[in-house]
Amino acid sequence: MDLIFKIVPEKLWREAEAAGAFNGAPVDLADGFIHFSTANQARETAEKHFAGQGDLLLAAIDPEKLGDALRYEPSRGDALFPHLYAPLPFTAVAWVKPLPLGENGQHIFPDSIP
């Protein structure tokens, strides 16, 4: 199973946990789906959309638990990105880890992300 990933501000994630559902970040709500990245796309996503942001989490998601609401669609450079057309069920979350900024301003990813 290849996990997919969501980079999300910790405050927003914790609020969603308390509410029992993650409906997405503001960009997700505006676009009508929750944006995810594959392991190979996660670093570029962090650089492009979250540069310099601290207090982030990296959530690893089991795509097999998302059913037909998950679609892989072309985005940057026609690469296929996972998009979820439904709220994210917490039962699909494999793990959540901090995504801190290093001294160089780049996010420090867990060793399991290439």
PDB file of N, CA and C in Angstrom:
ATOM      1  N   MET A   1       0.837  -1.170   0.000  1.00  0.00           N
ATOM      2  CA  MET A   1       0.000   0.000   0.000  1.00  0.00           C
ATOM      3  C   MET A   1       0.888   1.242   0.000  1.00  0.00           C
ATOM      4  N   ASP A   2       0.663   2.147  -0.948  1.00  0.00           N
ATOM      5  CA  ASP A   2       1.372   3.418  -0.998  1.00  0.00           C
ATOM      6  C   ASP A   2       0.506   4.483  -0.343  1.00  0.00           C
ATOM      7  N   LEU A   3       1.012   5.053   0.715  1.00  0.00           N
ATOM      8  CA  LEU A   3       0.278   6.092   1.412  1.00  0.00           C
ATOM      9  C   LEU A   3       0.250   7.370   0.583  1.00  0.00           C
ATOM     10  N   ILE A   4      -0.753   8.201   0.813  1.00  0.00           N
ATOM     11  CA  ILE A   4      -0.794   9.545   0.257  1.00  0.00           C
ATOM     12  C   ILE A   4      -0.725  10.509   1.439  1.00  0.00           C
ATOM     13  N   PHE A   5      -0.429  11.785   1.158  1.00  0.00           N
ATOM     14  CA  PHE A   5      -0.096  12.702   2.237  1.00  0.00           C
ATOM     15  C   PHE A   5      -0.844  14.020   2.135  1.00  0.00           C
ATOM     16  N   LYS A   6      -1.163  14.560   3.311  1.00  0.00           N
ATOM     17  CA  LYS A   6      -1.794  15.870   3.433  1.00  0.00           C
ATOM     18  C   LYS A   6      -0.932  16.715   4.355  1.00  0.00           C
ATOM     19  N   ILE A   7      -0.509  17.875   3.861  1.00  0.00           N
ATOM     20  CA  ILE A   7       0.190  18.846   4.687  1.00  0.00           C
ATOM     21  C   ILE A   7      -0.868  19.826   5.179  1.00  0.00           C
ATOM     22  N   VAL A   8      -0.918  20.012   6.488  1.00  0.00           N
ATOM     23  CA  VAL A   8      -2.009  20.808   7.051  1.00  0.00           C
ATOM     24  C   VAL A   8      -1.526  21.565   8.291  1.00  0.00           C
ATOM     25  N   PRO A   9      -1.980  22.800   8.463  1.00  0.00           N
ATOM     26  CA  PRO A   9      -1.647  23.510   9.698  1.00  0.00           C
ATOM     27  C   PRO A   9      -2.149  22.722  10.917  1.00  0.00           C
ATOM     28  N   GLU A  10      -1.310  22.648  11.940  1.00  0.00           N
ATOM     29  CA  GLU A  10      -1.663  21.850  13.114  1.00  0.00           C
ATOM     30  C   GLU A  10      -2.972  22.322  13.748  1.00  0.00           C
ATOM     31  N   LYS A  11      -3.181  23.627  13.846  1.00  0.00           N
ATOM     32  CA  LYS A  11      -4.400  24.154  14.468  1.00  0.00           C
ATOM     33  C   LYS A  11      -5.648  23.655  13.728  1.00  0.00           C
ATOM     34  N   LEU A  12      -5.612  23.697  12.403  1.00  0.00           N
ATOM     35  CA  LEU A  12      -6.753  23.245  11.606  1.00  0.00           C
ATOM     36  C   LEU A  12      -6.999  21.748  11.805  1.00  0.00           C
ATOM     37  N   TRP A  13      -5.932  20.963  11.849  1.00  0.00           N
ATOM     38  CA  TRP A  13      -6.058  19.509  12.036  1.00  0.00           C
ATOM     39  C   TRP A  13      -6.645  19.195  13.409  1.00  0.00           C
ATOM     40  N   ARG A  14      -6.133  19.875  14.430  1.00  0.00           N
ATOM     41  CA  ARG A  14      -6.630  19.622  15.793  1.00  0.00           C
ATOM     42  C   ARG A  14      -8.100  20.012  15.922  1.00  0.00           C
ATOM     43  N   GLU A  15      -8.503  21.091  15.264  1.00  0.00           N
ATOM     44  CA  GLU A  15      -9.917  21.481  15.271  1.00  0.00           C
ATOM     45  C   GLU A  15     -10.770  20.403  14.587  1.00  0.00           C
ATOM     46  N   ALA A  16     -10.262  19.867  13.494  1.00  0.00           N
ATOM     47  CA  ALA A  16     -10.993  18.814  12.782  1.00  0.00           C
ATOM     48  C   ALA A  16     -11.102  17.557  13.638  1.00  0.00           C
ATOM     49  N   GLU A  17     -10.010  17.205  14.320  1.00  0.00           N
ATOM     50  CA  GLU A  17     -10.063  16.043  15.218  1.00  0.00           C
ATOM     51  C   GLU A  17     -11.140  16.237  16.282  1.00  0.00           C
ATOM     52  N   ALA A  18     -11.190  17.419  16.863  1.00  0.00           N
ATOM     53  CA  ALA A  18     -12.185  17.698  17.908  1.00  0.00           C
ATOM     54  C   ALA A  18     -13.603  17.640  17.347  1.00  0.00           C
ATOM     55  N   ALA A  19     -13.756  18.064  16.095  1.00  0.00           N
ATOM     56  CA  ALA A  19     -15.079  18.058  15.458  1.00  0.00           C
ATOM     57  C   ALA A  19     -15.453  16.672  14.921  1.00  0.00           C
ATOM     58  N   GLY A  20     -14.446  15.808  14.772  1.00  0.00           N
ATOM     59  CA  GLY A  20     -14.712  14.457  14.287  1.00  0.00           C
ATOM     60  C   GLY A  20     -14.682  14.299  12.783  1.00  0.00           C
ATOM     61  N   ALA A  21     -14.301  15.363  12.055  1.00  0.00           N
ATOM     62  CA  ALA A  21     -14.251  15.271  10.590  1.00  0.00           C
ATOM     63  C   ALA A  21     -13.278  16.305  10.046  1.00  0.00           C
ATOM     64  N   PHE A  22     -12.545  15.931   8.995  1.00  0.00           N
ATOM     65  CA  PHE A  22     -11.675  16.877   8.291  1.00  0.00           C
ATOM     66  C   PHE A  22     -12.293  17.127   6.924  1.00  0.00           C
ATOM     67  N   ASN A  23     -12.807  18.335   6.761  1.00  0.00           N
ATOM     68  CA  ASN A  23     -13.455  18.701   5.501  1.00  0.00           C
ATOM     69  C   ASN A  23     -12.514  19.402   4.545  1.00  0.00           C
ATOM     70  N   GLY A  24     -11.309  19.697   5.013  1.00  0.00           N
ATOM     71  CA  GLY A  24     -10.313  20.321   4.161  1.00  0.00           C
ATOM     72  C   GLY A  24      -9.883  21.680   4.655  1.00  0.00           C
ATOM     73  N   ALA A  25      -8.780  22.139   4.091  1.00  0.00           N
ATOM     74  CA  ALA A  25      -8.266  23.484   4.343  1.00  0.00           C
ATOM     75  C   ALA A  25      -9.036  24.453   3.449  1.00  0.00           C
ATOM     76  N   PRO A  26      -8.881  25.759   3.652  1.00  0.00           N
ATOM     77  CA  PRO A  26      -9.597  26.719   2.805  1.00  0.00           C
ATOM     78  C   PRO A  26      -9.415  26.480   1.301  1.00  0.00           C
ATOM     79  N   VAL A  27      -8.222  26.144   0.862  1.00  0.00           N
ATOM     80  CA  VAL A  27      -8.004  25.889  -0.571  1.00  0.00           C
ATOM     81  C   VAL A  27      -8.806  24.669  -1.036  1.00  0.00           C
ATOM     82  N   ASP A  28      -8.903  23.659  -0.177  1.00  0.00           N
ATOM     83  CA  ASP A  28      -9.673  22.460  -0.521  1.00  0.00           C
ATOM     84  C   ASP A  28     -11.159  22.806  -0.657  1.00  0.00           C
ATOM     85  N   LEU A  29     -11.656  23.562   0.305  1.00  0.00           N
ATOM     86  CA  LEU A  29     -13.070  23.940   0.271  1.00  0.00           C
ATOM     87  C   LEU A  29     -13.372  24.769  -0.971  1.00  0.00           C
ATOM     88  N   ALA A  30     -12.453  25.654  -1.349  1.00  0.00           N
ATOM     89  CA  ALA A  30     -12.649  26.486  -2.543  1.00  0.00           C
ATOM     90  C   ALA A  30     -12.638  25.653  -3.816  1.00  0.00           C
ATOM     91  N   ASP A  31     -11.789  24.615  -3.850  1.00  0.00           N
ATOM     92  CA  ASP A  31     -11.660  23.794  -5.056  1.00  0.00           C
ATOM     93  C   ASP A  31     -12.679  22.657  -5.133  1.00  0.00           C
ATOM     94  N   GLY A  32     -13.329  22.339  -4.022  1.00  0.00           N
ATOM     95  CA  GLY A  32     -14.344  21.294  -4.025  1.00  0.00           C
ATOM     96  C   GLY A  32     -13.809  19.894  -3.798  1.00  0.00           C
ATOM     97  N   PHE A  33     -12.560  19.786  -3.386  1.00  0.00           N
ATOM     98  CA  PHE A  33     -11.963  18.485  -3.072  1.00  0.00           C
ATOM     99  C   PHE A  33     -10.768  18.709  -2.161  1.00  0.00           C
ATOM    100  N   ILE A  34     -10.357  17.655  -1.453  1.00  0.00           N
ATOM    101  CA  ILE A  34      -9.190  17.728  -0.582  1.00  0.00           C
ATOM    102  C   ILE A  34      -7.967  17.327  -1.396  1.00  0.00           C
ATOM    103  N   HIS A  35      -6.981  18.206  -1.418  1.00  0.00           N
ATOM    104  CA  HIS A  35      -5.722  17.969  -2.131  1.00  0.00           C
ATOM    105  C   HIS A  35      -4.811  17.064  -1.308  1.00  0.00           C
ATOM    106  N   PHE A  36      -4.248  16.071  -1.951  1.00  0.00           N
ATOM    107  CA  PHE A  36      -3.225  15.215  -1.348  1.00  0.00           C
ATOM    108  C   PHE A  36      -2.033  15.157  -2.284  1.00  0.00           C
ATOM    109  N   SER A  37      -0.952  14.594  -1.789  1.00  0.00           N
ATOM    110  CA  SER A  37       0.249  14.360  -2.590  1.00  0.00           C
ATOM    111  C   SER A  37       0.696  12.926  -2.395  1.00  0.00           C
ATOM    112  N   THR A  38       1.338  12.379  -3.410  1.00  0.00           N
ATOM    113  CA  THR A  38       2.005  11.088  -3.246  1.00  0.00           C
ATOM    114  C   THR A  38       3.319  11.349  -2.508  1.00  0.00           C
ATOM    115  N   ALA A  39       3.996  10.291  -2.112  1.00  0.00           N
ATOM    116  CA  ALA A  39       5.281  10.453  -1.424  1.00  0.00           C
ATOM    117  C   ALA A  39       6.267  11.241  -2.284  1.00  0.00           C
ATOM    118  N   ASN A  40       6.272  10.994  -3.582  1.00  0.00           N
ATOM    119  CA  ASN A  40       7.198  11.683  -4.476  1.00  0.00           C
ATOM    120  C   ASN A  40       6.822  13.140  -4.718  1.00  0.00           C
ATOM    121  N   GLN A  41       5.591  13.521  -4.429  1.00  0.00           N
ATOM    122  CA  GLN A  41       5.114  14.883  -4.668  1.00  0.00           C
ATOM    123  C   GLN A  41       5.121  15.751  -3.409  1.00  0.00           C
ATOM    124  N   ALA A  42       5.226  15.149  -2.239  1.00  0.00           N
ATOM    125  CA  ALA A  42       5.028  15.868  -0.982  1.00  0.00           C
ATOM    126  C   ALA A  42       6.038  16.990  -0.766  1.00  0.00           C
ATOM    127  N   ARG A  43       7.297  16.761  -1.059  1.00  0.00           N
ATOM    128  CA  ARG A  43       8.309  17.808  -0.845  1.00  0.00           C
ATOM    129  C   ARG A  43       8.051  19.009  -1.750  1.00  0.00           C
ATOM    130  N   GLU A  44       7.720  18.757  -3.005  1.00  0.00           N
ATOM    131  CA  GLU A  44       7.438  19.853  -3.930  1.00  0.00           C
ATOM    132  C   GLU A  44       6.189  20.626  -3.481  1.00  0.00           C
ATOM    133  N   THR A  45       5.195  19.911  -2.999  1.00  0.00           N
ATOM    134  CA  THR A  45       3.994  20.566  -2.479  1.00  0.00           C
ATOM    135  C   THR A  45       4.351  21.478  -1.309  1.00  0.00           C
ATOM    136  N   ALA A  46       5.193  20.994  -0.411  1.00  0.00           N
ATOM    137  CA  ALA A  46       5.608  21.809   0.737  1.00  0.00           C
ATOM    138  C   ALA A  46       6.331  23.067   0.269  1.00  0.00           C
ATOM    139  N   GLU A  47       7.230  22.923  -0.690  1.00  0.00           N
ATOM    140  CA  GLU A  47       7.994  24.068  -1.192  1.00  0.00           C
ATOM    141  C   GLU A  47       7.097  25.072  -1.909  1.00  0.00           C
ATOM    142  N   LYS A  48       6.158  24.572  -2.693  1.00  0.00           N
ATOM    143  CA  LYS A  48       5.322  25.445  -3.515  1.00  0.00           C
ATOM    144  C   LYS A  48       4.213  26.132  -2.726  1.00  0.00           C
ATOM    145  N   HIS A  49       3.592  25.407  -1.813  1.00  0.00           N
ATOM    146  CA  HIS A  49       2.395  25.925  -1.138  1.00  0.00           C
ATOM    147  C   HIS A  49       2.572  26.256   0.345  1.00  0.00           C
ATOM    148  N   PHE A  50       3.671  25.797   0.954  1.00  0.00           N
ATOM    149  CA  PHE A  50       3.842  25.986   2.393  1.00  0.00           C
ATOM    150  C   PHE A  50       5.225  26.538   2.750  1.00  0.00           C
ATOM    151  N   ALA A  51       5.906  27.168   1.812  1.00  0.00           N
ATOM    152  CA  ALA A  51       7.257  27.679   2.037  1.00  0.00           C
ATOM    153  C   ALA A  51       7.289  28.595   3.262  1.00  0.00           C
ATOM    154  N   GLY A  52       8.211  28.305   4.164  1.00  0.00           N
ATOM    155  CA  GLY A  52       8.417  29.139   5.333  1.00  0.00           C
ATOM    156  C   GLY A  52       7.378  28.989   6.430  1.00  0.00           C
ATOM    157  N   GLN A  53       6.381  28.168   6.239  1.00  0.00           N
ATOM    158  CA  GLN A  53       5.324  27.993   7.249  1.00  0.00           C
ATOM    159  C   GLN A  53       5.737  26.965   8.295  1.00  0.00           C
ATOM    160  N   GLY A  54       5.589  27.347   9.533  1.00  0.00           N
ATOM    161  CA  GLY A  54       5.809  26.419  10.632  1.00  0.00           C
ATOM    162  C   GLY A  54       4.476  25.884  11.117  1.00  0.00           C
ATOM    163  N   ASP A  55       4.499  25.159  12.196  1.00  0.00           N
ATOM    164  CA  ASP A  55       3.291  24.606  12.824  1.00  0.00           C
ATOM    165  C   ASP A  55       2.459  23.779  11.849  1.00  0.00           C
ATOM    166  N   LEU A  56       3.153  22.983  11.048  1.00  0.00           N
ATOM    167  CA  LEU A  56       2.462  22.105  10.094  1.00  0.00           C
ATOM    168  C   LEU A  56       2.548  20.662  10.547  1.00  0.00           C
ATOM    169  N   LEU A  57       1.592  19.879  10.083  1.00  0.00           N
ATOM    170  CA  LEU A  57       1.602  18.439  10.284  1.00  0.00           C
ATOM    171  C   LEU A  57       1.603  17.756   8.930  1.00  0.00           C
ATOM    172  N   LEU A  58       2.139  16.555   8.909  1.00  0.00           N
ATOM    173  CA  LEU A  58       2.079  15.698   7.736  1.00  0.00           C
ATOM    174  C   LEU A  58       1.232  14.488   8.115  1.00  0.00           C
ATOM    175  N   ALA A  59       0.094  14.353   7.454  1.00  0.00           N
ATOM    176  CA  ALA A  59      -0.805  13.230   7.717  1.00  0.00           C
ATOM    177  C   ALA A  59      -0.650  12.210   6.601  1.00  0.00           C
ATOM    178  N   ALA A  60      -0.400  10.974   6.986  1.00  0.00           N
ATOM    179  CA  ALA A  60      -0.294   9.866   6.035  1.00  0.00           C
ATOM    180  C   ALA A  60      -1.643   9.159   5.980  1.00  0.00           C
ATOM    181  N   ILE A  61      -2.126   8.962   4.768  1.00  0.00           N
ATOM    182  CA  ILE A  61      -3.475   8.445   4.559  1.00  0.00           C
ATOM    183  C   ILE A  61      -3.414   7.146   3.758  1.00  0.00           C
ATOM    184  N   ASP A  62      -4.214   6.178   4.152  1.00  0.00           N
ATOM    185  CA  ASP A  62      -4.348   4.925   3.410  1.00  0.00           C
ATOM    186  C   ASP A  62      -5.401   5.138   2.319  1.00  0.00           C
ATOM    187  N   PRO A  63      -4.965   5.236   1.065  1.00  0.00           N
ATOM    188  CA  PRO A  63      -5.924   5.530   0.000  1.00  0.00           C
ATOM    189  C   PRO A  63      -6.968   4.431  -0.206  1.00  0.00           C
ATOM    190  N   GLU A  64      -6.636   3.208   0.189  1.00  0.00           N
ATOM    191  CA  GLU A  64      -7.582   2.102   0.018  1.00  0.00           C
ATOM    192  C   GLU A  64      -8.825   2.274   0.889  1.00  0.00           C
ATOM    193  N   LYS A  65      -8.740   3.111   1.906  1.00  0.00           N
ATOM    194  CA  LYS A  65      -9.881   3.339   2.810  1.00  0.00           C
ATOM    195  C   LYS A  65     -10.748   4.515   2.363  1.00  0.00           C
ATOM    196  N   LEU A  66     -10.434   5.099   1.198  1.00  0.00           N
ATOM    197  CA  LEU A  66     -11.167   6.271   0.738  1.00  0.00           C
ATOM    198  C   LEU A  66     -12.195   5.957  -0.344  1.00  0.00           C
ATOM    199  N   GLY A  67     -12.118   4.782  -0.909  1.00  0.00           N
ATOM    200  CA  GLY A  67     -13.118   4.355  -1.890  1.00  0.00           C
ATOM    201  C   GLY A  67     -13.124   5.180  -3.160  1.00  0.00           C
ATOM    202  N   ASP A  68     -14.298   5.223  -3.792  1.00  0.00           N
ATOM    203  CA  ASP A  68     -14.458   5.881  -5.091  1.00  0.00           C
ATOM    204  C   ASP A  68     -14.381   7.396  -5.026  1.00  0.00           C
ATOM    205  N   ALA A  69     -14.402   7.974  -3.817  1.00  0.00           N
ATOM    206  CA  ALA A  69     -14.320   9.435  -3.686  1.00  0.00           C
ATOM    207  C   ALA A  69     -12.905   9.947  -3.968  1.00  0.00           C
ATOM    208  N   LEU A  70     -11.917   9.026  -4.004  1.00  0.00           N
ATOM    209  CA  LEU A  70     -10.539   9.408  -4.310  1.00  0.00           C
ATOM    210  C   LEU A  70     -10.290   9.238  -5.801  1.00  0.00           C
ATOM    211  N   ARG A  71      -9.809  10.319  -6.408  1.00  0.00           N
ATOM    212  CA  ARG A  71      -9.488  10.279  -7.843  1.00  0.00           C
ATOM    213  C   ARG A  71      -8.098  10.847  -8.058  1.00  0.00           C
ATOM    214  N   TYR A  72      -7.382  10.250  -8.985  1.00  0.00           N
ATOM    215  CA  TYR A  72      -6.068  10.773  -9.367  1.00  0.00           C
ATOM    216  C   TYR A  72      -6.268  11.599 -10.629  1.00  0.00           C
ATOM    217  N   GLU A  73      -5.960  12.901 -10.515  1.00  0.00           N
ATOM    218  CA  GLU A  73      -6.242  13.826 -11.610  1.00  0.00           C
ATOM    219  C   GLU A  73      -5.001  14.645 -11.940  1.00  0.00           C
ATOM    220  N   PRO A  74      -4.870  15.046 -13.214  1.00  0.00           N
ATOM    221  CA  PRO A  74      -3.691  15.826 -13.609  1.00  0.00           C
ATOM    222  C   PRO A  74      -3.664  17.191 -12.934  1.00  0.00           C
ATOM    223  N   SER A  75      -2.454  17.587 -12.535  1.00  0.00           N
ATOM    224  CA  SER A  75      -2.256  18.900 -11.938  1.00  0.00           C
ATOM    225  C   SER A  75      -0.921  19.429 -12.439  1.00  0.00           C
ATOM    226  N   ARG A  76      -0.029  19.842 -11.528  1.00  0.00           N
ATOM    227  CA  ARG A  76       1.259  20.403 -11.934  1.00  0.00           C
ATOM    228  C   ARG A  76       1.951  19.539 -12.975  1.00  0.00           C
ATOM    229  N   GLY A  77       2.260  20.110 -14.116  1.00  0.00           N
ATOM    230  CA  GLY A  77       2.988  19.378 -15.138  1.00  0.00           C
ATOM    231  C   GLY A  77       2.310  18.103 -15.580  1.00  0.00           C
ATOM    232  N   ASP A  78       0.992  18.074 -15.487  1.00  0.00           N
ATOM    233  CA  ASP A  78       0.193  16.902 -15.852  1.00  0.00           C
ATOM    234  C   ASP A  78       0.446  15.676 -14.976  1.00  0.00           C
ATOM    235  N   ALA A  79       1.144  15.856 -13.849  1.00  0.00           N
ATOM    236  CA  ALA A  79       1.318  14.747 -12.910  1.00  0.00           C
ATOM    237  C   ALA A  79      -0.035  14.444 -12.275  1.00  0.00           C
ATOM    238  N   LEU A  80      -0.274  13.181 -11.982  1.00  0.00           N
ATOM    239  CA  LEU A  80      -1.530  12.778 -11.353  1.00  0.00           C
ATOM    240  C   LEU A  80      -1.433  12.964  -9.843  1.00  0.00           C
ATOM    241  N   PHE A  81      -2.332  13.787  -9.308  1.00  0.00           N
ATOM    242  CA  PHE A  81      -2.393  14.043  -7.872  1.00  0.00           C
ATOM    243  C   PHE A  81      -3.672  13.448  -7.311  1.00  0.00           C
ATOM    244  N   PRO A  82      -3.605  12.899  -6.081  1.00  0.00           N
ATOM    245  CA  PRO A  82      -4.811  12.371  -5.446  1.00  0.00           C
ATOM    246  C   PRO A  82      -5.703  13.492  -4.914  1.00  0.00           C
ATOM    247  N   HIS A  83      -6.976  13.422  -5.275  1.00  0.00           N
ATOM    248  CA  HIS A  83      -7.987  14.383  -4.830  1.00  0.00           C
ATOM    249  C   HIS A  83      -9.142  13.613  -4.222  1.00  0.00           C
ATOM    250  N   LEU A  84      -9.594  14.050  -3.054  1.00  0.00           N
ATOM    251  CA  LEU A  84     -10.696  13.378  -2.363  1.00  0.00           C
ATOM    252  C   LEU A  84     -11.940  14.243  -2.424  1.00  0.00           C
ATOM    253  N   TYR A  85     -12.986  13.713  -3.023  1.00  0.00           N
ATOM    254  CA  TYR A  85     -14.261  14.414  -3.169  1.00  0.00           C
ATOM    255  C   TYR A  85     -15.228  14.002  -2.065  1.00  0.00           C
ATOM    256  N   ALA A  86     -14.768  14.110  -0.840  1.00  0.00           N
ATOM    257  CA  ALA A  86     -15.568  13.777   0.347  1.00  0.00           C
ATOM    258  C   ALA A  86     -14.754  14.216   1.559  1.00  0.00           C
ATOM    259  N   PRO A  87     -15.380  14.302   2.718  1.00  0.00           N
ATOM    260  CA  PRO A  87     -14.592  14.554   3.932  1.00  0.00           C
ATOM    261  C   PRO A  87     -13.613  13.398   4.159  1.00  0.00           C
ATOM    262  N   LEU A  88     -12.493  13.707   4.779  1.00  0.00           N
ATOM    263  CA  LEU A  88     -11.495  12.687   5.095  1.00  0.00           C
ATOM    264  C   LEU A  88     -11.896  11.976   6.379  1.00  0.00           C
ATOM    265  N   PRO A  89     -12.152  10.664   6.303  1.00  0.00           N
ATOM    266  CA  PRO A  89     -12.461   9.933   7.535  1.00  0.00           C
ATOM    267  C   PRO A  89     -11.171   9.663   8.317  1.00  0.00           C
ATOM    268  N   PHE A  90     -11.193   9.908   9.597  1.00  0.00           N
ATOM    269  CA  PHE A  90      -9.990   9.687  10.403  1.00  0.00           C
ATOM    270  C   PHE A  90      -9.594   8.215  10.447  1.00  0.00           C
ATOM    271  N   THR A  91     -10.508   7.326  10.110  1.00  0.00           N
ATOM    272  CA  THR A  91     -10.180   5.895  10.047  1.00  0.00           C
ATOM    273  C   THR A  91      -9.185   5.597   8.926  1.00  0.00           C
ATOM    274  N   ALA A  92      -9.027   6.518   7.976  1.00  0.00           N
ATOM    275  CA  ALA A  92      -8.075   6.327   6.876  1.00  0.00           C
ATOM    276  C   ALA A  92      -6.685   6.869   7.203  1.00  0.00           C
ATOM    277  N   VAL A  93      -6.541   7.543   8.340  1.00  0.00           N
ATOM    278  CA  VAL A  93      -5.264   8.159   8.713  1.00  0.00           C
ATOM    279  C   VAL A  93      -4.350   7.102   9.321  1.00  0.00           C
ATOM    280  N   ALA A  94      -3.206   6.881   8.664  1.00  0.00           N
ATOM    281  CA  ALA A  94      -2.235   5.893   9.152  1.00  0.00           C
ATOM    282  C   ALA A  94      -1.380   6.486  10.271  1.00  0.00           C
ATOM    283  N   TRP A  95      -0.960   7.731  10.099  1.00  0.00           N
ATOM    284  CA  TRP A  95      -0.195   8.444  11.130  1.00  0.00           C
ATOM    285  C   TRP A  95      -0.167   9.931  10.820  1.00  0.00           C
ATOM    286  N   VAL A  96       0.168  10.714  11.848  1.00  0.00           N
ATOM    287  CA  VAL A  96       0.320  12.162  11.732  1.00  0.00           C
ATOM    288  C   VAL A  96       1.598  12.536  12.468  1.00  0.00           C
ATOM    289  N   LYS A  97       2.468  13.289  11.794  1.00  0.00           N
ATOM    290  CA  LYS A  97       3.747  13.690  12.391  1.00  0.00           C
ATOM    291  C   LYS A  97       3.972  15.180  12.154  1.00  0.00           C
ATOM    292  N   PRO A  98       4.745  15.810  13.048  1.00  0.00           N
ATOM    293  CA  PRO A  98       5.103  17.211  12.828  1.00  0.00           C
ATOM    294  C   PRO A  98       5.919  17.350  11.539  1.00  0.00           C
ATOM    295  N   LEU A  99       5.785  18.508  10.900  1.00  0.00           N
ATOM    296  CA  LEU A  99       6.563  18.830   9.697  1.00  0.00           C
ATOM    297  C   LEU A  99       7.294  20.145   9.976  1.00  0.00           C
ATOM    298  N   PRO A 100       8.363  20.061  10.781  1.00  0.00           N
ATOM    299  CA  PRO A 100       9.051  21.281  11.208  1.00  0.00           C
ATOM    300  C   PRO A 100       9.898  21.899  10.100  1.00  0.00           C
ATOM    301  N   LEU A 101      10.231  23.161  10.326  1.00  0.00           N
ATOM    302  CA  LEU A 101      11.157  23.851   9.440  1.00  0.00           C
ATOM    303  C   LEU A 101      12.575  23.651   9.958  1.00  0.00           C
ATOM    304  N   GLY A 102      13.486  23.364   9.042  1.00  0.00           N
ATOM    305  CA  GLY A 102      14.888  23.265   9.412  1.00  0.00           C
ATOM    306  C   GLY A 102      15.534  24.641   9.431  1.00  0.00           C
ATOM    307  N   GLU A 103      16.789  24.694   9.837  1.00  0.00           N
ATOM    308  CA  GLU A 103      17.511  25.960   9.894  1.00  0.00           C
ATOM    309  C   GLU A 103      17.616  26.624   8.521  1.00  0.00           C
ATOM    310  N   ASN A 104      17.571  25.808   7.466  1.00  0.00           N
ATOM    311  CA  ASN A 104      17.671  26.332   6.100  1.00  0.00           C
ATOM    312  C   ASN A 104      16.319  26.794   5.545  1.00  0.00           C
ATOM    313  N   GLY A 105      15.271  26.704   6.363  1.00  0.00           N
ATOM    314  CA  GLY A 105      13.952  27.127   5.921  1.00  0.00           C
ATOM    315  C   GLY A 105      13.176  26.060   5.164  1.00  0.00           C
ATOM    316  N   GLN A 106      13.772  24.899   4.959  1.00  0.00           N
ATOM    317  CA  GLN A 106      13.097  23.782   4.299  1.00  0.00           C
ATOM    318  C   GLN A 106      12.432  22.904   5.355  1.00  0.00           C
ATOM    319  N   HIS A 107      11.310  22.296   4.985  1.00  0.00           N
ATOM    320  CA  HIS A 107      10.631  21.395   5.909  1.00  0.00           C
ATOM    321  C   HIS A 107      11.424  20.102   6.065  1.00  0.00           C
ATOM    322  N   ILE A 108      11.396  19.571   7.268  1.00  0.00           N
ATOM    323  CA  ILE A 108      12.090  18.328   7.565  1.00  0.00           C
ATOM    324  C   ILE A 108      11.063  17.198   7.546  1.00  0.00           C
ATOM    325  N   PHE A 109      11.155  16.356   6.518  1.00  0.00           N
ATOM    326  CA  PHE A 109      10.212  15.260   6.345  1.00  0.00           C
ATOM    327  C   PHE A 109      10.691  14.018   7.097  1.00  0.00           C
ATOM    328  N   PRO A 110       9.753  13.163   7.494  1.00  0.00           N
ATOM    329  CA  PRO A 110      10.152  11.877   8.086  1.00  0.00           C
ATOM    330  C   PRO A 110      10.993  11.084   7.095  1.00  0.00           C
ATOM    331  N   ASP A 111      11.842  10.219   7.616  1.00  0.00           N
ATOM    332  CA  ASP A 111      12.729   9.424   6.768  1.00  0.00           C
ATOM    333  C   ASP A 111      11.974   8.557   5.771  1.00  0.00           C
ATOM    334  N   SER A 112      10.718   8.250   6.053  1.00  0.00           N
ATOM    335  CA  SER A 112       9.937   7.368   5.173  1.00  0.00           C
ATOM    336  C   SER A 112       9.481   8.056   3.888  1.00  0.00           C
ATOM    337  N   ILE A 113       9.684   9.381   3.782  1.00  0.00           N
ATOM    338  CA  ILE A 113       9.283  10.126   2.578  1.00  0.00           C
ATOM    339  C   ILE A 113      10.533  10.372   1.748  1.00  0.00           C
ATOM    340  N   PRO A 114      10.536   9.959   0.480  1.00  0.00           N
ATOM    341  CA  PRO A 114      11.754  10.130  -0.346  1.00  0.00           C
ATOM    342  C   PRO A 114      12.127  11.585  -0.559  1.00  0.00           C
TER     343      PRO A 114
END
